[in-house]
Amino acid sequence: MPIQRMAIVDKDGLVVNVISYDTEGTWTPPADCILVDAAKGGSIDDTWDGKRFVVPIEGAPHQWWQK
């Protein structure tokens, strides 16, 4: 049972959760979300630009407040 650190990223690229994921399991992320390998980074409130995680600027409003 290999476990991997994964980020759950919503359709806007916002990291909404980080989990320990069983790569041999059958669990899938919620609708409109994807799993991204977060072994080398990625925390809740970061954004995923398709290649890397981007840490929000301190003091800037969170993306979900702007929706």
C-alpha atoms as a PDB file:
ATOM      1  CA  MET A   1       0.000   0.000   0.000  1.00  0.00           C
ATOM      2  CA  PRO A   2       2.153   2.912  -1.228  1.00  0.00           C
ATOM      3  CA  ILE A   3       1.075   6.193   0.339  1.00  0.00           C
ATOM      4  CA  GLN A   4       1.802   9.467  -1.426  1.00  0.00           C
ATOM      5  CA  ARG A   5       1.314  13.103  -0.370  1.00  0.00           C
ATOM      6  CA  MET A   6      -1.209  14.635  -2.781  1.00  0.00           C
ATOM      7  CA  ALA A   7      -2.865  18.023  -3.100  1.00  0.00           C
ATOM      8  CA  ILE A   8      -6.541  18.300  -3.968  1.00  0.00           C
ATOM      9  CA  VAL A   9      -6.773  21.208  -6.407  1.00  0.00           C
ATOM     10  CA  ASP A  10     -10.064  22.797  -7.473  1.00  0.00           C
ATOM     11  CA  LYS A  11     -10.991  23.976 -10.973  1.00  0.00           C
ATOM     12  CA  ASP A  12      -9.488  27.414 -10.271  1.00  0.00           C
ATOM     13  CA  GLY A  13      -6.115  25.959  -9.281  1.00  0.00           C
ATOM     14  CA  LEU A  14      -6.549  26.503  -5.524  1.00  0.00           C
ATOM     15  CA  VAL A  15      -5.194  23.813  -3.198  1.00  0.00           C
ATOM     16  CA  VAL A  16      -8.191  22.975  -1.003  1.00  0.00           C
ATOM     17  CA  ASN A  17      -6.632  20.073   0.908  1.00  0.00           C
ATOM     18  CA  VAL A  18      -3.485  17.975   1.191  1.00  0.00           C
ATOM     19  CA  ILE A  19      -3.887  14.260   1.916  1.00  0.00           C
ATOM     20  CA  SER A  20      -2.026  10.991   2.295  1.00  0.00           C
ATOM     21  CA  TYR A  21      -3.253   9.037  -0.722  1.00  0.00           C
ATOM     22  CA  ASP A  22      -3.181   5.273  -1.216  1.00  0.00           C
ATOM     23  CA  THR A  23      -2.034   5.005  -4.831  1.00  0.00           C
ATOM     24  CA  GLU A  24      -3.511   1.512  -5.084  1.00  0.00           C
ATOM     25  CA  GLY A  25      -6.894   2.567  -3.675  1.00  0.00           C
ATOM     26  CA  THR A  26     -10.088   3.463  -5.488  1.00  0.00           C
ATOM     27  CA  TRP A  27     -10.805   6.871  -3.929  1.00  0.00           C
ATOM     28  CA  THR A  28     -11.243   9.742  -6.383  1.00  0.00           C
ATOM     29  CA  PRO A  29     -11.267  13.482  -5.707  1.00  0.00           C
ATOM     30  CA  PRO A  30     -14.512  15.467  -5.616  1.00  0.00           C
ATOM     31  CA  ALA A  31     -16.051  16.662  -8.888  1.00  0.00           C
ATOM     32  CA  ASP A  32     -14.180  19.584 -10.483  1.00  0.00           C
ATOM     33  CA  CYS A  33     -10.996  18.721  -8.543  1.00  0.00           C
ATOM     34  CA  ILE A  34      -7.765  16.970  -9.459  1.00  0.00           C
ATOM     35  CA  LEU A  35      -4.992  15.270  -7.505  1.00  0.00           C
ATOM     36  CA  VAL A  36      -1.491  16.701  -7.849  1.00  0.00           C
ATOM     37  CA  ASP A  37       1.685  15.136  -6.463  1.00  0.00           C
ATOM     38  CA  ALA A  38       2.649  17.283  -3.472  1.00  0.00           C
ATOM     39  CA  ALA A  39       5.772  15.377  -2.403  1.00  0.00           C
ATOM     40  CA  LYS A  40       7.951  18.459  -2.948  1.00  0.00           C
ATOM     41  CA  GLY A  41       5.493  21.157  -1.871  1.00  0.00           C
ATOM     42  CA  GLY A  42       1.952  22.341  -1.987  1.00  0.00           C
ATOM     43  CA  SER A  43      -0.112  23.515   0.962  1.00  0.00           C
ATOM     44  CA  ILE A  44      -3.703  24.574   1.510  1.00  0.00           C
ATOM     45  CA  ASP A  45      -4.313  28.018  -0.090  1.00  0.00           C
ATOM     46  CA  ASP A  46      -1.408  27.645  -2.543  1.00  0.00           C
ATOM     47  CA  THR A  47      -2.277  27.668  -6.224  1.00  0.00           C
ATOM     48  CA  TRP A  48      -1.308  25.165  -8.906  1.00  0.00           C
ATOM     49  CA  ASP A  49      -0.322  26.736 -12.227  1.00  0.00           C
ATOM     50  CA  GLY A  50      -0.088  23.423 -14.076  1.00  0.00           C
ATOM     51  CA  LYS A  51       3.643  22.991 -13.405  1.00  0.00           C
ATOM     52  CA  ARG A  52       4.338  24.184  -9.870  1.00  0.00           C
ATOM     53  CA  PHE A  53       2.729  25.343  -6.644  1.00  0.00           C
ATOM     54  CA  VAL A  54       2.621  29.090  -6.039  1.00  0.00           C
ATOM     55  CA  VAL A  55       2.558  30.352  -2.449  1.00  0.00           C
ATOM     56  CA  PRO A  56       0.117  33.250  -1.892  1.00  0.00           C
ATOM     57  CA  ILE A  57       1.506  36.666  -1.032  1.00  0.00           C
ATOM     58  CA  GLU A  58       1.172  37.313   2.688  1.00  0.00           C
ATOM     59  CA  GLY A  59      -1.713  39.669   3.398  1.00  0.00           C
ATOM     60  CA  ALA A  60      -3.337  39.139  -0.011  1.00  0.00           C
ATOM     61  CA  PRO A  61      -6.983  38.005   0.037  1.00  0.00           C
ATOM     62  CA  HIS A  62      -7.573  34.298  -0.488  1.00  0.00           C
ATOM     63  CA  GLN A  63      -8.909  33.295  -3.905  1.00  0.00           C
ATOM     64  CA  TRP A  64     -12.079  31.767  -2.489  1.00  0.00           C
ATOM     65  CA  TRP A  65     -13.069  35.142  -0.990  1.00  0.00           C
ATOM     66  CA  GLN A  66     -13.097  36.613  -4.484  1.00  0.00           C
ATOM     67  CA  LYS A  67     -15.600  34.093  -5.902  1.00  0.00           C
END
